[in-house]
C-alpha atoms as a PDB file:
ATOM      1  CA  MET A   1      -9.813  77.411  22.084  1.00  0.00           C
ATOM      2  CA  ALA A   2      -8.790  77.465  25.865  1.00  0.00           C
ATOM      3  CA  SER A   3     -11.413  75.083  27.385  1.00  0.00           C
ATOM      4  CA  CYS A   4     -14.708  73.041  26.528  1.00  0.00           C
ATOM      5  CA  SER A   5     -16.631  75.697  28.506  1.00  0.00           C
ATOM      6  CA  PHE A   6     -19.809  77.040  26.791  1.00  0.00           C
ATOM      7  CA  SER A   7     -18.303  80.550  26.475  1.00  0.00           C
ATOM      8  CA  ALA A   8     -15.177  79.442  25.045  1.00  0.00           C
ATOM      9  CA  VAL A   9     -17.015  77.064  22.437  1.00  0.00           C
ATOM     10  CA  GLN A  10     -19.651  79.759  21.684  1.00  0.00           C
ATOM     11  CA  THR A  11     -16.991  82.349  21.181  1.00  0.00           C
ATOM     12  CA  ALA A  12     -14.939  80.227  18.854  1.00  0.00           C
ATOM     13  CA  VAL A  13     -18.221  79.191  16.793  1.00  0.00           C
ATOM     14  CA  ASN A  14     -18.863  83.042  16.482  1.00  0.00           C
ATOM     15  CA  ALA A  15     -15.537  83.878  15.284  1.00  0.00           C
ATOM     16  CA  ALA A  16     -15.383  80.865  12.810  1.00  0.00           C
ATOM     17  CA  ALA A  17     -15.154  81.347   9.045  1.00  0.00           C
ATOM     18  CA  SER A  18     -17.269  78.617   7.026  1.00  0.00           C
ATOM     19  CA  GLY A  19     -15.426  75.611   6.304  1.00  0.00           C
ATOM     20  CA  THR A  20     -13.536  75.622   9.806  1.00  0.00           C
ATOM     21  CA  THR A  21     -13.063  72.486  11.896  1.00  0.00           C
ATOM     22  CA  LEU A  22     -13.128  73.525  15.774  1.00  0.00           C
ATOM     23  CA  ASN A  23     -11.223  71.408  17.976  1.00  0.00           C
ATOM     24  CA  ILE A  24     -12.800  71.287  21.401  1.00  0.00           C
ATOM     25  CA  PRO A  25     -10.210  70.427  24.091  1.00  0.00           C
ATOM     26  CA  ALA A  26     -10.475  67.400  26.517  1.00  0.00           C
ATOM     27  CA  GLY A  27     -12.478  68.221  29.747  1.00  0.00           C
ATOM     28  CA  ASP A  28     -15.636  67.572  31.511  1.00  0.00           C
ATOM     29  CA  CYS A  29     -17.947  70.879  31.156  1.00  0.00           C
ATOM     30  CA  SER A  30     -21.242  71.688  32.259  1.00  0.00           C
ATOM     31  CA  TRP A  31     -23.001  74.023  29.787  1.00  0.00           C
ATOM     32  CA  GLY A  32     -26.054  74.406  32.330  1.00  0.00           C
ATOM     33  CA  THR A  33     -29.119  75.366  30.334  1.00  0.00           C
ATOM     34  CA  GLN A  34     -27.498  76.808  27.405  1.00  0.00           C
ATOM     35  CA  GLN A  35     -27.867  75.893  23.641  1.00  0.00           C
ATOM     36  CA  LEU A  36     -24.777  76.003  21.404  1.00  0.00           C
ATOM     37  CA  ASN A  37     -26.118  77.651  18.151  1.00  0.00           C
ATOM     38  CA  VAL A  38     -23.791  76.644  15.135  1.00  0.00           C
ATOM     39  CA  PRO A  39     -24.237  77.643  11.463  1.00  0.00           C
ATOM     40  CA  ALA A  40     -23.431  74.899   9.156  1.00  0.00           C
ATOM     41  CA  GLY A  41     -20.026  75.219   7.294  1.00  0.00           C
ATOM     42  CA  ILE A  42     -18.570  74.580  10.815  1.00  0.00           C
ATOM     43  CA  VAL A  43     -17.407  71.134  12.105  1.00  0.00           C
ATOM     44  CA  LEU A  44     -17.134  70.595  15.944  1.00  0.00           C
ATOM     45  CA  ARG A  45     -14.571  67.907  16.965  1.00  0.00           C
ATOM     46  CA  GLY A  46     -13.773  66.901  20.307  1.00  0.00           C
ATOM     47  CA  ALA A  47     -10.550  65.356  21.696  1.00  0.00           C
ATOM     48  CA  GLY A  48     -12.239  61.853  21.540  1.00  0.00           C
ATOM     49  CA  LYS A  49     -15.251  59.874  23.140  1.00  0.00           C
ATOM     50  CA  ASP A  50     -15.242  60.219  26.915  1.00  0.00           C
ATOM     51  CA  LYS A  51     -12.448  62.846  26.798  1.00  0.00           C
ATOM     52  CA  THR A  52     -14.403  65.761  25.753  1.00  0.00           C
ATOM     53  CA  THR A  53     -17.753  65.674  27.808  1.00  0.00           C
ATOM     54  CA  ILE A  54     -20.302  68.182  27.674  1.00  0.00           C
ATOM     55  CA  ARG A  55     -23.067  68.144  30.145  1.00  0.00           C
ATOM     56  CA  ARG A  56     -26.622  69.518  30.220  1.00  0.00           C
ATOM     57  CA  VAL A  57     -27.362  70.642  33.788  1.00  0.00           C
ATOM     58  CA  GLY A  58     -30.853  72.173  34.715  1.00  0.00           C
ATOM     59  CA  ASN A  59     -34.298  72.459  33.376  1.00  0.00           C
ATOM     60  CA  VAL A  60     -34.913  73.310  29.817  1.00  0.00           C
ATOM     61  CA  PRO A  61     -37.945  72.918  27.546  1.00  0.00           C
ATOM     62  CA  GLU A  62     -38.291  70.195  25.080  1.00  0.00           C
ATOM     63  CA  THR A  63     -37.810  72.567  22.069  1.00  0.00           C
ATOM     64  CA  GLN A  64     -34.217  73.215  23.430  1.00  0.00           C
ATOM     65  CA  TYR A  65     -31.056  71.283  22.707  1.00  0.00           C
ATOM     66  CA  LEU A  66     -27.360  71.070  23.883  1.00  0.00           C
ATOM     67  CA  ILE A  67     -26.062  71.656  20.257  1.00  0.00           C
ATOM     68  CA  ALA A  68     -28.011  72.814  17.399  1.00  0.00           C
ATOM     69  CA  PHE A  69     -26.827  73.162  13.819  1.00  0.00           C
ATOM     70  CA  ASP A  70     -28.730  75.425  11.514  1.00  0.00           C
ATOM     71  CA  CYS A  71     -28.261  74.195   7.819  1.00  0.00           C
ATOM     72  CA  SER A  72     -30.533  76.838   6.298  1.00  0.00           C
ATOM     73  CA  ASN A  73     -27.392  78.363   4.621  1.00  0.00           C
ATOM     74  CA  GLY A  74     -27.039  74.978   2.568  1.00  0.00           C
ATOM     75  CA  LYS A  75     -23.496  74.089   3.870  1.00  0.00           C
ATOM     76  CA  ARG A  76     -22.532  71.062   5.613  1.00  0.00           C
ATOM     77  CA  ALA A  77     -22.710  70.281   9.188  1.00  0.00           C
ATOM     78  CA  GLY A  78     -20.322  67.747  11.308  1.00  0.00           C
ATOM     79  CA  LEU A  79     -19.580  66.646  14.873  1.00  0.00           C
ATOM     80  CA  SER A  80     -17.401  63.874  16.168  1.00  0.00           C
ATOM     81  CA  ASP A  81     -15.389  62.636  18.975  1.00  0.00           C
ATOM     82  CA  ILE A  82     -17.298  64.000  21.731  1.00  0.00           C
ATOM     83  CA  THR A  83     -19.658  62.762  24.727  1.00  0.00           C
ATOM     84  CA  LEU A  84     -22.873  64.624  25.315  1.00  0.00           C
ATOM     85  CA  ILE A  85     -24.618  63.949  28.586  1.00  0.00           C
ATOM     86  CA  GLY A  86     -28.311  64.869  29.257  1.00  0.00           C
ATOM     87  CA  ASN A  87     -29.823  65.495  32.784  1.00  0.00           C
ATOM     88  CA  GLY A  88     -31.225  61.923  33.066  1.00  0.00           C
ATOM     89  CA  ASN A  89     -34.301  63.338  34.827  1.00  0.00           C
ATOM     90  CA  GLY A  90     -37.654  62.296  33.610  1.00  0.00           C
ATOM     91  CA  ALA A  91     -39.153  65.449  34.532  1.00  0.00           C
ATOM     92  CA  ILE A  92     -36.864  67.318  31.951  1.00  0.00           C
ATOM     93  CA  LEU A  93     -37.489  66.388  28.298  1.00  0.00           C
ATOM     94  CA  ASP A  94     -34.096  67.419  27.152  1.00  0.00           C
ATOM     95  CA  LYS A  95     -32.400  66.836  23.731  1.00  0.00           C
ATOM     96  CA  GLY A  96     -28.805  66.681  22.726  1.00  0.00           C
ATOM     97  CA  LEU A  97     -27.750  67.382  19.139  1.00  0.00           C
ATOM     98  CA  ALA A  98     -30.207  68.956  16.430  1.00  0.00           C
ATOM     99  CA  LEU A  99     -29.640  68.983  12.689  1.00  0.00           C
ATOM    100  CA  LEU A 100     -32.190  71.447  11.565  1.00  0.00           C
ATOM    101  CA  ASN A 101     -33.352  73.204   8.447  1.00  0.00           C
ATOM    102  CA  GLY A 102     -32.559  70.721   5.862  1.00  0.00           C
ATOM    103  CA  CYS A 103     -28.980  69.444   6.623  1.00  0.00           C
ATOM    104  CA  VAL A 104     -27.368  68.022   3.507  1.00  0.00           C
ATOM    105  CA  ASP A 105     -24.450  65.610   3.657  1.00  0.00           C
ATOM    106  CA  PHE A 106     -24.010  66.016   7.326  1.00  0.00           C
ATOM    107  CA  SER A 107     -21.736  63.430   9.579  1.00  0.00           C
ATOM    108  CA  VAL A 108     -22.002  62.782  13.195  1.00  0.00           C
ATOM    109  CA  ALA A 109     -19.357  60.243  14.251  1.00  0.00           C
ATOM    110  CA  ASN A 110     -17.249  58.636  16.974  1.00  0.00           C
ATOM    111  CA  SER A 111     -19.376  60.155  19.819  1.00  0.00           C
ATOM    112  CA  LYS A 112     -21.453  59.152  22.665  1.00  0.00           C
ATOM    113  CA  PHE A 113     -24.893  60.461  23.706  1.00  0.00           C
ATOM    114  CA  THR A 114     -26.618  59.365  26.864  1.00  0.00           C
ATOM    115  CA  LYS A 115     -29.344  60.386  29.314  1.00  0.00           C
ATOM    116  CA  PHE A 116     -31.261  62.700  27.097  1.00  0.00           C
ATOM    117  CA  ILE A 117     -35.009  61.885  27.991  1.00  0.00           C
ATOM    118  CA  SER A 118     -36.566  63.189  24.784  1.00  0.00           C
ATOM    119  CA  ALA A 119     -33.909  62.444  22.032  1.00  0.00           C
ATOM    120  CA  ALA A 120     -30.339  62.193  21.667  1.00  0.00           C
ATOM    121  CA  VAL A 121     -30.031  63.346  18.131  1.00  0.00           C
ATOM    122  CA  GLU A 122     -32.809  64.882  16.171  1.00  0.00           C
ATOM    123  CA  VAL A 123     -32.773  65.343  12.552  1.00  0.00           C
ATOM    124  CA  ASN A 124     -35.633  67.911  11.445  1.00  0.00           C
ATOM    125  CA  GLY A 125     -36.675  69.854   8.533  1.00  0.00           C
ATOM    126  CA  SER A 126     -36.600  70.173   4.658  1.00  0.00           C
ATOM    127  CA  MET A 127     -36.837  66.922   2.742  1.00  0.00           C
ATOM    128  CA  LYS A 128     -33.654  67.573   1.199  1.00  0.00           C
ATOM    129  CA  GLN A 129     -32.010  66.261   4.261  1.00  0.00           C
ATOM    130  CA  ARG A 130     -29.228  63.514   4.180  1.00  0.00           C
ATOM    131  CA  GLY A 131     -26.293  62.535   5.791  1.00  0.00           C
ATOM    132  CA  VAL A 132     -24.625  59.766   8.097  1.00  0.00           C
ATOM    133  CA  ILE A 133     -24.639  59.130  11.522  1.00  0.00           C
ATOM    134  CA  TYR A 134     -21.949  56.324  12.493  1.00  0.00           C
ATOM    135  CA  ASN A 135     -19.690  54.657  14.893  1.00  0.00           C
ATOM    136  CA  ASN A 136     -21.507  56.212  17.941  1.00  0.00           C
ATOM    137  CA  ASP A 137     -22.855  55.087  21.343  1.00  0.00           C
ATOM    138  CA  PHE A 138     -26.387  55.734  22.085  1.00  0.00           C
ATOM    139  CA  VAL A 139     -27.003  54.726  25.835  1.00  0.00           C
ATOM    140  CA  ASP A 140     -30.014  55.051  28.163  1.00  0.00           C
ATOM    141  CA  ASN A 141     -31.854  57.893  26.419  1.00  0.00           C
ATOM    142  CA  TYR A 142     -35.005  57.058  28.077  1.00  0.00           C
ATOM    143  CA  SER A 143     -36.982  57.382  31.313  1.00  0.00           C
ATOM    144  CA  ASP A 144     -39.525  54.957  32.313  1.00  0.00           C
ATOM    145  CA  SER A 145     -41.442  57.820  34.005  1.00  0.00           C
ATOM    146  CA  VAL A 146     -42.126  59.291  30.659  1.00  0.00           C
ATOM    147  CA  ARG A 147     -42.586  56.184  28.506  1.00  0.00           C
ATOM    148  CA  ASN A 148     -43.698  57.890  25.130  1.00  0.00           C
ATOM    149  CA  LEU A 149     -40.314  59.647  24.482  1.00  0.00           C
ATOM    150  CA  GLY A 150     -36.655  58.313  24.334  1.00  0.00           C
ATOM    151  CA  TYR A 151     -35.209  58.094  21.115  1.00  0.00           C
ATOM    152  CA  GLY A 152     -31.482  57.279  20.092  1.00  0.00           C
ATOM    153  CA  VAL A 153     -32.169  59.063  16.778  1.00  0.00           C
ATOM    154  CA  VAL A 154     -35.302  60.686  15.681  1.00  0.00           C
ATOM    155  CA  VAL A 155     -35.806  61.699  11.987  1.00  0.00           C
ATOM    156  CA  TYR A 156     -38.665  64.186  11.119  1.00  0.00           C
ATOM    157  CA  GLY A 157     -39.270  65.448   7.413  1.00  0.00           C
ATOM    158  CA  ASP A 158     -41.248  68.388   6.467  1.00  0.00           C
ATOM    159  CA  GLY A 159     -44.627  66.991   5.872  1.00  0.00           C
ATOM    160  CA  THR A 160     -44.401  66.791   2.135  1.00  0.00           C
ATOM    161  CA  TRP A 161     -44.625  63.230   0.707  1.00  0.00           C
ATOM    162  CA  PRO A 162     -41.539  62.636  -1.735  1.00  0.00           C
ATOM    163  CA  THR A 163     -41.364  60.013  -4.566  1.00  0.00           C
ATOM    164  CA  LEU A 164     -39.975  56.481  -3.127  1.00  0.00           C
ATOM    165  CA  GLU A 165     -36.199  56.509  -3.495  1.00  0.00           C
ATOM    166  CA  LEU A 166     -34.937  53.340  -1.950  1.00  0.00           C
ATOM    167  CA  GLY A 167     -31.127  52.741  -2.512  1.00  0.00           C
ATOM    168  CA  THR A 168     -30.325  56.200  -2.904  1.00  0.00           C
ATOM    169  CA  GLN A 169     -28.260  58.844  -0.956  1.00  0.00           C
ATOM    170  CA  ASN A 170     -31.462  60.557  -0.205  1.00  0.00           C
ATOM    171  CA  ALA A 171     -32.005  59.547   3.357  1.00  0.00           C
ATOM    172  CA  VAL A 172     -30.518  59.766   6.844  1.00  0.00           C
ATOM    173  CA  PHE A 173     -28.295  56.965   7.392  1.00  0.00           C
ATOM    174  CA  ILE A 174     -27.650  55.411  10.860  1.00  0.00           C
ATOM    175  CA  GLU A 175     -24.805  52.833  10.622  1.00  0.00           C
ATOM    176  CA  ASN A 176     -22.270  50.893  12.693  1.00  0.00           C
ATOM    177  CA  ASN A 177     -23.694  52.518  16.005  1.00  0.00           C
ATOM    178  CA  MET A 178     -23.924  50.806  19.473  1.00  0.00           C
ATOM    179  CA  MET A 179     -27.554  51.303  20.894  1.00  0.00           C
ATOM    180  CA  THR A 180     -28.901  50.277  24.327  1.00  0.00           C
ATOM    181  CA  GLY A 181     -31.359  51.509  26.817  1.00  0.00           C
ATOM    182  CA  ASN A 182     -33.187  53.565  24.319  1.00  0.00           C
ATOM    183  CA  ARG A 183     -36.985  53.259  23.914  1.00  0.00           C
ATOM    184  CA  HIS A 184     -36.866  53.485  20.259  1.00  0.00           C
ATOM    185  CA  ASN A 185     -33.089  53.385  18.852  1.00  0.00           C
ATOM    186  CA  VAL A 186     -34.501  55.045  15.792  1.00  0.00           C
ATOM    187  CA  ALA A 187     -37.843  56.671  15.301  1.00  0.00           C
ATOM    188  CA  SER A 188     -39.496  58.521  12.334  1.00  0.00           C
ATOM    189  CA  ASN A 189     -42.288  60.990  11.358  1.00  0.00           C
ATOM    190  CA  ASN A 190     -43.525  63.601   9.212  1.00  0.00           C
ATOM    191  CA  SER A 191     -42.439  62.234   5.562  1.00  0.00           C
ATOM    192  CA  SER A 192     -38.997  61.192   7.157  1.00  0.00           C
ATOM    193  CA  ARG A 193     -36.750  58.757   5.234  1.00  0.00           C
ATOM    194  CA  TYR A 194     -33.877  56.682   6.941  1.00  0.00           C
ATOM    195  CA  VAL A 195     -31.589  53.856   6.404  1.00  0.00           C
ATOM    196  CA  PHE A 196     -30.785  51.846   9.600  1.00  0.00           C
ATOM    197  CA  ARG A 197     -28.012  49.409   8.948  1.00  0.00           C
ATOM    198  CA  PHE A 198     -25.150  47.457  10.546  1.00  0.00           C
ATOM    199  CA  ASN A 199     -26.273  48.620  14.136  1.00  0.00           C
ATOM    200  CA  THR A 200     -25.732  46.397  17.276  1.00  0.00           C
ATOM    201  CA  VAL A 201     -29.030  47.164  19.236  1.00  0.00           C
ATOM    202  CA  ILE A 202     -29.561  45.807  22.845  1.00  0.00           C
ATOM    203  CA  ALA A 203     -32.885  45.815  24.566  1.00  0.00           C
ATOM    204  CA  ASN A 204     -32.956  45.867  28.319  1.00  0.00           C
ATOM    205  CA  ASP A 205     -35.591  45.586  31.176  1.00  0.00           C
ATOM    206  CA  VAL A 206     -36.439  49.113  30.934  1.00  0.00           C
ATOM    207  CA  THR A 207     -37.181  49.292  27.277  1.00  0.00           C
ATOM    208  CA  LYS A 208     -38.389  45.937  26.455  1.00  0.00           C
ATOM    209  CA  ASP A 209     -41.988  46.926  25.923  1.00  0.00           C
ATOM    210  CA  PHE A 210     -41.168  49.057  22.720  1.00  0.00           C
ATOM    211  CA  ALA A 211     -39.949  48.469  19.354  1.00  0.00           C
ATOM    212  CA  MET A 212     -36.361  48.617  18.970  1.00  0.00           C
ATOM    213  CA  SER A 213     -36.665  50.418  15.930  1.00  0.00           C
ATOM    214  CA  ASP A 214     -39.576  52.310  14.814  1.00  0.00           C
ATOM    215  CA  ALA A 215     -41.521  53.870  11.921  1.00  0.00           C
ATOM    216  CA  HIS A 216     -44.584  56.184  12.743  1.00  0.00           C
ATOM    217  CA  GLY A 217     -47.624  56.151  10.769  1.00  0.00           C
ATOM    218  CA  LEU A 218     -50.094  59.097  10.800  1.00  0.00           C
ATOM    219  CA  SER A 219     -50.013  60.158  14.285  1.00  0.00           C
ATOM    220  CA  SER A 220     -48.569  63.290  16.005  1.00  0.00           C
ATOM    221  CA  SER A 221     -47.415  64.989  12.932  1.00  0.00           C
ATOM    222  CA  PRO A 222     -49.196  65.947   9.469  1.00  0.00           C
ATOM    223  CA  ARG A 223     -47.732  63.025   7.805  1.00  0.00           C
ATOM    224  CA  GLY A 224     -46.290  59.603   8.780  1.00  0.00           C
ATOM    225  CA  SER A 225     -42.823  58.172   7.641  1.00  0.00           C
ATOM    226  CA  ARG A 226     -42.392  57.974   4.211  1.00  0.00           C
ATOM    227  CA  SER A 227     -39.560  55.302   3.926  1.00  0.00           C
ATOM    228  CA  TYR A 228     -37.234  53.248   5.768  1.00  0.00           C
ATOM    229  CA  GLU A 229     -34.402  50.774   4.820  1.00  0.00           C
ATOM    230  CA  ILE A 230     -33.660  48.409   7.650  1.00  0.00           C
ATOM    231  CA  TYR A 231     -30.920  45.763   7.184  1.00  0.00           C
ATOM    232  CA  ASN A 232     -27.878  43.780   8.555  1.00  0.00           C
ATOM    233  CA  ASN A 233     -28.610  44.812  12.036  1.00  0.00           C
ATOM    234  CA  ASN A 234     -27.962  42.776  15.108  1.00  0.00           C
ATOM    235  CA  PHE A 235     -30.762  42.769  17.554  1.00  0.00           C
ATOM    236  CA  SER A 236     -30.474  41.233  21.081  1.00  0.00           C
ATOM    237  CA  ALA A 237     -32.072  41.663  24.526  1.00  0.00           C
ATOM    238  CA  ASN A 238     -30.257  41.421  28.002  1.00  0.00           C
ATOM    239  CA  LEU A 239     -33.358  40.794  30.217  1.00  0.00           C
ATOM    240  CA  SER A 240     -33.641  39.441  33.587  1.00  0.00           C
ATOM    241  CA  GLY A 241     -36.995  37.983  32.388  1.00  0.00           C
ATOM    242  CA  GLY A 242     -39.800  38.077  30.067  1.00  0.00           C
ATOM    243  CA  LEU A 243     -39.294  39.065  26.080  1.00  0.00           C
ATOM    244  CA  GLU A 244     -38.463  42.195  24.260  1.00  0.00           C
ATOM    245  CA  ALA A 245     -41.628  43.148  22.316  1.00  0.00           C
ATOM    246  CA  THR A 246     -40.270  43.279  18.917  1.00  0.00           C
ATOM    247  CA  ALA A 247     -36.958  44.401  17.112  1.00  0.00           C
ATOM    248  CA  ILE A 248     -38.634  46.295  14.204  1.00  0.00           C
ATOM    249  CA  GLY A 249     -42.118  48.038  14.395  1.00  0.00           C
ATOM    250  CA  VAL A 250     -43.437  49.509  11.455  1.00  0.00           C
ATOM    251  CA  ARG A 251     -46.897  51.591  11.550  1.00  0.00           C
ATOM    252  CA  GLY A 252     -46.857  53.383   8.195  1.00  0.00           C
ATOM    253  CA  GLY A 253     -44.779  54.052   4.987  1.00  0.00           C
ATOM    254  CA  ASP A 254     -42.696  52.022   2.576  1.00  0.00           C
ATOM    255  CA  GLY A 255     -39.595  50.199   2.599  1.00  0.00           C
ATOM    256  CA  VAL A 256     -37.517  47.192   2.936  1.00  0.00           C
ATOM    257  CA  ILE A 257     -36.400  45.045   5.932  1.00  0.00           C
ATOM    258  CA  PHE A 258     -33.892  42.315   5.331  1.00  0.00           C
ATOM    259  CA  ASN A 259     -30.824  40.614   6.606  1.00  0.00           C
ATOM    260  CA  ASN A 260     -31.549  41.384  10.265  1.00  0.00           C
ATOM    261  CA  THR A 261     -30.392  38.892  13.073  1.00  0.00           C
ATOM    262  CA  VAL A 262     -32.744  38.552  15.886  1.00  0.00           C
ATOM    263  CA  ALA A 263     -31.833  37.104  18.973  1.00  0.00           C
ATOM    264  CA  SER A 264     -33.717  34.783  21.206  1.00  0.00           C
ATOM    265  CA  GLY A 265     -35.704  36.904  23.907  1.00  0.00           C
ATOM    266  CA  ILE A 266     -37.130  39.130  21.244  1.00  0.00           C
ATOM    267  CA  ALA A 267     -40.809  37.991  20.460  1.00  0.00           C
ATOM    268  CA  ARG A 268     -41.281  39.462  17.028  1.00  0.00           C
ATOM    269  CA  ALA A 269     -38.715  40.149  14.330  1.00  0.00           C
ATOM    270  CA  VAL A 270     -40.973  42.675  12.683  1.00  0.00           C
ATOM    271  CA  SER A 271     -44.456  43.937  13.866  1.00  0.00           C
ATOM    272  CA  LEU A 272     -46.769  45.485  11.405  1.00  0.00           C
ATOM    273  CA  GLU A 273     -49.501  47.863  12.709  1.00  0.00           C
ATOM    274  CA  VAL A 274     -51.849  50.730  11.554  1.00  0.00           C
ATOM    275  CA  GLU A 275     -51.893  54.165  13.153  1.00  0.00           C
ATOM    276  CA  GLY A 276     -54.162  57.188  12.835  1.00  0.00           C
ATOM    277  CA  PHE A 277     -57.081  55.159  11.434  1.00  0.00           C
ATOM    278  CA  THR A 278     -59.226  52.273  12.514  1.00  0.00           C
ATOM    279  CA  CYS A 279     -58.094  48.811  11.392  1.00  0.00           C
ATOM    280  CA  GLY A 280     -60.453  47.618   8.594  1.00  0.00           C
ATOM    281  CA  GLN A 281     -60.443  50.847   6.802  1.00  0.00           C
ATOM    282  CA  TYR A 282     -58.439  50.634   3.407  1.00  0.00           C
ATOM    283  CA  PRO A 283     -56.530  52.487   2.135  1.00  0.00           C
ATOM    284  CA  GLY A 284     -55.886  54.325   5.567  1.00  0.00           C
ATOM    285  CA  PRO A 285     -53.839  57.413   5.448  1.00  0.00           C
ATOM    286  CA  ASP A 286     -50.011  56.889   4.928  1.00  0.00           C
ATOM    287  CA  GLN A 287     -50.179  53.086   5.761  1.00  0.00           C
ATOM    288  CA  ILE A 288     -47.905  50.558   4.821  1.00  0.00           C
ATOM    289  CA  ARG A 289     -48.481  49.994   1.057  1.00  0.00           C
ATOM    290  CA  ASN A 290     -45.111  48.796  -0.512  1.00  0.00           C
ATOM    291  CA  LEU A 291     -43.171  46.894   2.167  1.00  0.00           C
ATOM    292  CA  TYR A 292     -40.611  43.949   1.373  1.00  0.00           C
ATOM    293  CA  ILE A 293     -39.402  41.626   3.986  1.00  0.00           C
ATOM    294  CA  TRP A 294     -36.972  38.857   3.618  1.00  0.00           C
ATOM    295  CA  ASN A 295     -34.194  36.877   5.188  1.00  0.00           C
ATOM    296  CA  ASN A 296     -34.403  37.899   8.614  1.00  0.00           C
ATOM    297  CA  THR A 297     -33.374  35.380  11.026  1.00  0.00           C
ATOM    298  CA  GLY A 298     -34.997  34.720  14.646  1.00  0.00           C
ATOM    299  CA  GLY A 299     -38.030  36.495  16.127  1.00  0.00           C
ATOM    300  CA  ALA A 300     -40.527  33.832  16.018  1.00  0.00           C
ATOM    301  CA  VAL A 301     -40.973  33.224  19.944  1.00  0.00           C
ATOM    302  CA  ASN A 302     -43.951  31.642  21.680  1.00  0.00           C
ATOM    303  CA  GLY A 303     -46.409  31.732  18.892  1.00  0.00           C
ATOM    304  CA  TYR A 304     -46.274  35.606  18.699  1.00  0.00           C
ATOM    305  CA  SER A 305     -45.451  35.560  14.896  1.00  0.00           C
ATOM    306  CA  ASP A 306     -44.968  33.441  11.867  1.00  0.00           C
ATOM    307  CA  ALA A 307     -42.075  31.355  10.929  1.00  0.00           C
ATOM    308  CA  LEU A 308     -40.324  34.492   9.485  1.00  0.00           C
ATOM    309  CA  GLY A 309     -40.993  36.602  12.703  1.00  0.00           C
ATOM    310  CA  ILE A 310     -43.635  38.733  11.139  1.00  0.00           C
ATOM    311  CA  ASP A 311     -46.454  39.723  13.243  1.00  0.00           C
ATOM    312  CA  ASN A 312     -49.415  41.513  11.335  1.00  0.00           C
ATOM    313  CA  THR A 313     -51.770  43.149  13.863  1.00  0.00           C
ATOM    314  CA  CYS A 314     -54.303  44.320  11.248  1.00  0.00           C
ATOM    315  CA  THR A 315     -54.778  41.847   8.505  1.00  0.00           C
ATOM    316  CA  SER A 316     -57.749  43.462   7.162  1.00  0.00           C
ATOM    317  CA  SER A 317     -55.913  46.700   6.170  1.00  0.00           C
ATOM    318  CA  VAL A 318     -52.233  45.642   5.625  1.00  0.00           C
ATOM    319  CA  GLN A 319     -52.571  42.571   3.447  1.00  0.00           C
ATOM    320  CA  LEU A 320     -49.832  40.111   2.366  1.00  0.00           C
ATOM    321  CA  ASN A 321     -48.951  40.133  -1.287  1.00  0.00           C
ATOM    322  CA  ARG A 322     -50.969  43.514  -1.503  1.00  0.00           C
ATOM    323  CA  ASP A 323     -49.303  45.754   0.871  1.00  0.00           C
ATOM    324  CA  TYR A 324     -46.383  43.827   2.020  1.00  0.00           C
ATOM    325  CA  PHE A 325     -44.326  40.900   0.759  1.00  0.00           C
ATOM    326  CA  ARG A 326     -42.193  38.363   2.013  1.00  0.00           C
ATOM    327  CA  THR A 327     -39.633  38.451  -0.825  1.00  0.00           C
ATOM    328  CA  ALA A 328     -36.793  40.502  -1.982  1.00  0.00           C
ATOM    329  CA  LYS A 329     -37.843  43.768  -3.768  1.00  0.00           C
ATOM    330  CA  ALA A 330     -37.075  43.345  -7.571  1.00  0.00           C
ATOM    331  CA  GLY A 331     -34.491  45.656  -8.665  1.00  0.00           C
ATOM    332  CA  TYR A 332     -33.442  47.230  -5.263  1.00  0.00           C
ATOM    333  CA  THR A 333     -29.761  47.560  -4.603  1.00  0.00           C
ATOM    334  CA  PRO A 334     -28.657  49.100  -1.116  1.00  0.00           C
ATOM    335  CA  TYR A 335     -26.819  52.356  -1.325  1.00  0.00           C
ATOM    336  CA  THR A 336     -23.051  52.243  -1.184  1.00  0.00           C
ATOM    337  CA  TYR A 337     -21.637  50.922   2.359  1.00  0.00           C
ATOM    338  CA  PRO A 338     -19.652  52.254   3.933  1.00  0.00           C
ATOM    339  CA  HIS A 339     -21.408  55.517   3.219  1.00  0.00           C
ATOM    340  CA  PRO A 340     -19.158  57.720   1.297  1.00  0.00           C
ATOM    341  CA  LEU A 341     -19.372  60.722   3.654  1.00  0.00           C
ATOM    342  CA  ARG A 342     -17.320  58.557   6.143  1.00  0.00           C
ATOM    343  CA  THR A 343     -14.156  59.199   4.106  1.00  0.00           C
ATOM    344  CA  GLN A 344     -14.584  63.027   3.828  1.00  0.00           C
END
């Protein structure tokens, strides 16, 4: 294609056969308020991070994205080697990349996402969704004037409640990314399943009041998070004062949390909470029922948490050795690392 302009890229997408990789040339292009719609089966590849730059400029609704893949055809989607930049305006709840309608075996790689106030990457749709997001930079996707949004990656399921399948390919994998200045670097809801591993996560003064990684309970969606596997991440804080609240905040669902490094300046390695019901009720809808936490270092600062960095804010509903365990999960083996899709 001739340029990175919206018209050039959309024309190429419209003409491309399934299985095509479209190379977007180097350049710095504003796409205004337009959304690029891409059917799965097409891969978009830029000339390199910070070489091909696409900008959102203008007021758009939160339902609109800069690039949206539609995976309802059952084919694979992919994006790599590009920089997407949002408005950076707290009055505009813009989003970057969307993977919609049950994307299977997708990949998002070697790219940069910054200044999207709602979310940089959103995975949303059927519970068959699975794929890998790796080697990307997620920087400053948050506005302090909004506070309840600002995600690096957010994963939404379809409201069903699948069988717990830890250690399998059936999840959204987020690995080997650099993430800083995002309210939640990963967030999840509505029966989502994700794996968050080998990421470098850095809090700053603007985002220090929020969990660096998150799993919702029952809240704004019909169901809470289904499962999460959070391991081998490096959490740190670059602050002028005070403490980062928590590295990993869990408000519902089941999973494993292990082998994470939590630097000084972070008050809690793991914070356990309830959401969508009153503390003391048991069992609460979609609450933590089967969570294993072990071998995380750091995060026991200023008396906020126990020696393993776990702060349980509702012991009457979420009980040790009934709903969560401070031991390795018997029989659990992490899924293959690096993710096999990274070589395809």
